[in-house]
Amino acid sequence: MKEHPDAMLPISEQMDLNRGDTYVTLVVWDEISHEVGTLNVPLRVPQAR
């Protein structure tokens, strides 16, 4: 990352979601700068029938 700071870093993670959840909050911590950033991602998990 030091040599190519603009390079993409694909990450894949599986999550167990509850029916009716409306968003996922992603939190990222930069160990070098000690800064934290968050991102709320909207989603739709079908309601129980």
C-alpha atoms as a PDB file:
ATOM      1  CA  MET A   1       0.000   0.000   0.000  1.00  0.00           C
ATOM      2  CA  LYS A   2       2.921   2.371   0.598  1.00  0.00           C
ATOM      3  CA  GLU A   3       4.074   1.978  -3.010  1.00  0.00           C
ATOM      4  CA  HIS A   4       0.541   2.150  -4.480  1.00  0.00           C
ATOM      5  CA  PRO A   5      -1.679   4.108  -2.066  1.00  0.00           C
ATOM      6  CA  ASP A   6      -4.470   4.435  -4.661  1.00  0.00           C
ATOM      7  CA  ALA A   7      -4.595   0.700  -5.384  1.00  0.00           C
ATOM      8  CA  MET A   8      -7.851  -1.129  -4.748  1.00  0.00           C
ATOM      9  CA  LEU A   9      -7.961  -3.533  -1.838  1.00  0.00           C
ATOM     10  CA  PRO A  10     -10.863  -5.962  -2.365  1.00  0.00           C
ATOM     11  CA  ILE A  11     -12.180  -7.586   0.807  1.00  0.00           C
ATOM     12  CA  SER A  12     -14.866 -10.230   1.134  1.00  0.00           C
ATOM     13  CA  GLU A  13     -16.682 -10.978   4.392  1.00  0.00           C
ATOM     14  CA  GLN A  14     -19.763 -13.070   5.095  1.00  0.00           C
ATOM     15  CA  MET A  15     -22.256 -11.816   7.681  1.00  0.00           C
ATOM     16  CA  ASP A  16     -25.318 -13.246   9.357  1.00  0.00           C
ATOM     17  CA  LEU A  17     -28.081 -10.654   9.041  1.00  0.00           C
ATOM     18  CA  ASN A  18     -31.433 -10.523  10.792  1.00  0.00           C
ATOM     19  CA  ARG A  19     -34.674 -10.181   8.862  1.00  0.00           C
ATOM     20  CA  GLY A  20     -35.694  -6.559   8.734  1.00  0.00           C
ATOM     21  CA  ASP A  21     -32.155  -5.142   9.052  1.00  0.00           C
ATOM     22  CA  THR A  22     -31.949  -1.897   7.079  1.00  0.00           C
ATOM     23  CA  TYR A  23     -28.232  -1.083   7.058  1.00  0.00           C
ATOM     24  CA  VAL A  24     -24.737  -2.327   7.845  1.00  0.00           C
ATOM     25  CA  THR A  25     -22.185  -0.022   9.448  1.00  0.00           C
ATOM     26  CA  LEU A  26     -18.604  -0.448   8.259  1.00  0.00           C
ATOM     27  CA  VAL A  27     -15.870   0.907  10.538  1.00  0.00           C
ATOM     28  CA  VAL A  28     -12.286   1.262   9.336  1.00  0.00           C
ATOM     29  CA  TRP A  29      -9.304   2.151  11.520  1.00  0.00           C
ATOM     30  CA  ASP A  30      -6.032   3.356  10.008  1.00  0.00           C
ATOM     31  CA  GLU A  31      -3.226   2.010  12.205  1.00  0.00           C
ATOM     32  CA  ILE A  32      -0.729   4.548  10.858  1.00  0.00           C
ATOM     33  CA  SER A  33      -2.732   7.767  11.311  1.00  0.00           C
ATOM     34  CA  HIS A  34      -4.932   6.376  14.110  1.00  0.00           C
ATOM     35  CA  GLU A  35      -7.979   7.794  12.339  1.00  0.00           C
ATOM     36  CA  VAL A  36     -11.357   6.057  12.203  1.00  0.00           C
ATOM     37  CA  GLY A  37     -13.940   6.279   9.445  1.00  0.00           C
ATOM     38  CA  THR A  38     -17.459   4.865   9.196  1.00  0.00           C
ATOM     39  CA  LEU A  39     -19.813   4.105   6.333  1.00  0.00           C
ATOM     40  CA  ASN A  40     -23.497   3.125   6.616  1.00  0.00           C
ATOM     41  CA  VAL A  41     -24.549   0.877   3.750  1.00  0.00           C
ATOM     42  CA  PRO A  42     -28.302   0.515   3.169  1.00  0.00           C
ATOM     43  CA  LEU A  43     -29.603  -2.992   2.532  1.00  0.00           C
ATOM     44  CA  ARG A  44     -32.793  -4.974   2.392  1.00  0.00           C
ATOM     45  CA  VAL A  45     -33.156  -8.248   4.262  1.00  0.00           C
ATOM     46  CA  PRO A  46     -36.629  -9.713   3.557  1.00  0.00           C
ATOM     47  CA  GLN A  47     -39.129  -9.697   6.429  1.00  0.00           C
ATOM     48  CA  ALA A  48     -40.398 -13.006   7.782  1.00  0.00           C
ATOM     49  CA  ARG A  49     -43.591 -14.185   6.070  1.00  0.00           C
END
